Amino acid sequence: MTLSENVFENLRLELRRGCLTLAVLAQLRQERYGYTLRKALAERGLEIDESTLYPLLRRLEAQGLLASEWREEEKRNKRFYRLNEDGERMLGQLLEEWNALNAAITASLGGVGAGPPGASGDRTG
């Protein structure tokens, strides 16, 4: 992997990490267990590995944003997660921040499309 590819991959993962937290919180407005949460995210274009999802769920629960409960379903014990009241509030705050950031970034791009500088008429790059 070239230096440029390595830098891109690191920045992409950093950007994705924050977005996944928001997406997980949004999906947990409805109670889910790990597999159904992964499936719901994947159906929306956000693939997430178990090795990323479960530590994230534990962290969000430790931060007081989720409630969880072990239950037997289909003859297997499964841990179900959902947002609690604090999680609902935090999701609302994060969505406000997301919308503000999205608007600011969109305005900063000034109509510049995807691709390298100059690809869509931008002559500043």
Protein backbone atom coordinates (compact mmCIF):
# COMPACT_ATOMS: atom_id res chain seq x y z
CA MET A 1 0.00 0.00 0.00
CA THR A 2 1.43 3.39 -0.97
CA LEU A 3 1.78 6.24 1.51
CA SER A 4 -1.15 8.02 -0.13
CA GLU A 5 -3.33 4.91 0.04
CA ASN A 6 -2.33 4.38 3.68
CA VAL A 7 -3.16 7.99 4.61
CA PHE A 8 -6.51 7.74 2.80
CA GLU A 9 -7.37 4.47 4.56
CA ASN A 10 -6.54 5.93 8.00
CA LEU A 11 -8.63 9.06 7.34
CA ARG A 12 -11.49 6.98 5.92
CA LEU A 13 -11.55 4.79 9.04
CA GLU A 14 -11.49 7.85 11.31
CA LEU A 15 -14.43 9.39 9.44
CA ARG A 16 -16.33 6.09 9.43
CA ARG A 17 -15.85 5.50 13.17
CA GLY A 18 -17.91 8.54 14.17
CA CYS A 19 -20.54 7.85 11.55
CA LEU A 20 -20.98 4.26 12.76
CA THR A 21 -21.62 5.46 16.31
CA LEU A 22 -24.40 7.72 15.08
CA ALA A 23 -25.86 4.97 12.87
CA VAL A 24 -25.81 2.42 15.71
CA LEU A 25 -27.57 4.83 18.06
CA ALA A 26 -30.18 5.58 15.40
CA GLN A 27 -30.84 1.89 14.78
CA LEU A 28 -31.20 1.20 18.49
CA ARG A 29 -34.32 3.33 18.76
CA GLN A 30 -35.76 -0.13 18.08
CA GLU A 31 -34.60 -3.03 20.26
CA ARG A 32 -32.14 -5.31 18.47
CA TYR A 33 -29.52 -7.91 19.21
CA GLY A 34 -26.10 -7.89 17.58
CA TYR A 35 -26.85 -9.91 14.47
CA THR A 36 -30.05 -8.01 13.61
CA LEU A 37 -28.27 -4.71 14.22
CA ARG A 38 -25.43 -5.70 11.86
CA LYS A 39 -27.99 -6.81 9.28
CA ALA A 40 -29.98 -3.54 9.55
CA LEU A 41 -26.82 -1.48 9.12
CA ALA A 42 -25.64 -3.59 6.17
CA GLU A 43 -29.01 -3.16 4.46
CA ARG A 44 -28.39 0.59 4.66
CA GLY A 45 -24.89 0.32 3.19
CA LEU A 46 -22.93 0.26 6.46
CA GLU A 47 -21.10 -3.03 6.86
CA ILE A 48 -19.65 -3.49 10.35
CA ASP A 49 -17.55 -6.33 11.70
CA GLU A 50 -18.47 -8.05 14.94
CA SER A 51 -15.05 -7.07 16.28
CA THR A 52 -16.08 -3.43 15.83
CA LEU A 53 -19.76 -3.65 16.75
CA TYR A 54 -19.62 -5.46 20.10
CA PRO A 55 -16.94 -3.23 21.68
CA LEU A 56 -18.93 -0.20 20.45
CA LEU A 57 -22.10 -1.55 22.07
CA ARG A 58 -20.27 -2.19 25.34
CA ARG A 59 -18.79 1.33 25.27
CA LEU A 60 -22.16 2.97 24.57
CA GLU A 61 -23.72 0.96 27.38
CA ALA A 62 -20.90 1.92 29.78
CA GLN A 63 -21.51 5.57 28.82
CA GLY A 64 -25.08 5.15 30.00
CA LEU A 65 -26.73 5.45 26.58
CA LEU A 66 -28.06 1.91 26.15
CA ALA A 67 -30.06 -0.59 28.11
CA SER A 68 -29.47 -4.26 27.48
CA GLU A 69 -31.10 -7.49 28.49
CA TRP A 70 -30.25 -11.16 28.04
CA ARG A 71 -33.12 -13.26 26.73
CA GLU A 72 -33.52 -16.69 25.25
CA GLU A 73 -34.69 -16.65 21.65
CA GLU A 74 -34.63 -19.58 19.25
CA LYS A 75 -33.08 -21.69 22.04
CA ARG A 76 -30.11 -19.31 22.32
CA ASN A 77 -29.30 -16.58 24.80
CA LYS A 78 -29.08 -13.23 23.05
CA ARG A 79 -28.34 -9.79 24.39
CA PHE A 80 -30.85 -7.22 23.23
CA TYR A 81 -29.92 -3.53 23.15
CA ARG A 82 -31.99 -0.37 22.91
CA LEU A 83 -31.55 3.32 23.60
CA ASN A 84 -32.49 4.44 27.07
CA GLU A 85 -33.72 7.97 27.88
CA ASP A 86 -30.20 9.39 27.98
CA GLY A 87 -29.44 7.64 24.70
CA GLU A 88 -32.51 9.20 23.08
CA ARG A 89 -31.37 12.66 24.23
CA MET A 90 -27.82 12.05 23.07
CA LEU A 91 -29.03 10.83 19.68
CA GLY A 92 -31.06 14.04 19.30
CA GLN A 93 -28.03 16.18 20.17
CA LEU A 94 -25.76 14.23 17.84
CA LEU A 95 -28.28 14.49 15.00
CA GLU A 96 -28.37 18.28 15.45
CA GLU A 97 -24.57 18.33 15.34
CA TRP A 98 -24.54 16.01 12.31
CA ASN A 99 -26.99 18.24 10.43
CA ALA A 100 -24.98 21.38 11.26
CA LEU A 101 -21.71 19.75 10.20
CA ASN A 102 -23.26 18.37 7.04
CA ALA A 103 -24.59 21.81 6.09
CA ALA A 104 -21.24 23.46 6.83
CA ILE A 105 -19.28 20.87 4.85
CA THR A 106 -21.71 21.08 1.94
CA ALA A 107 -21.37 24.87 1.95
CA SER A 108 -17.57 24.60 2.20
CA LEU A 109 -17.44 22.29 -0.79
CA GLY A 110 -19.27 24.93 -2.79
CA GLY A 111 -20.64 22.52 -5.36
CA VAL A 112 -17.37 20.62 -5.77
CA GLY A 113 -18.20 17.06 -6.80
CA ALA A 114 -16.49 13.85 -5.90
CA GLY A 115 -13.10 13.13 -7.32
CA PRO A 116 -9.69 14.76 -7.36
CA PRO A 117 -9.28 18.57 -7.43
CA GLY A 118 -10.17 19.89 -10.85
CA ALA A 119 -12.38 16.91 -11.71
CA SER A 120 -15.58 18.94 -11.52
CA GLY A 121 -14.45 22.37 -12.52
CA ASP A 122 -12.66 23.22 -9.27
CA ARG A 123 -9.46 24.98 -10.27
CA THR A 124 -8.24 25.66 -6.74
CA GLY A 125 -6.54 22.28 -6.23
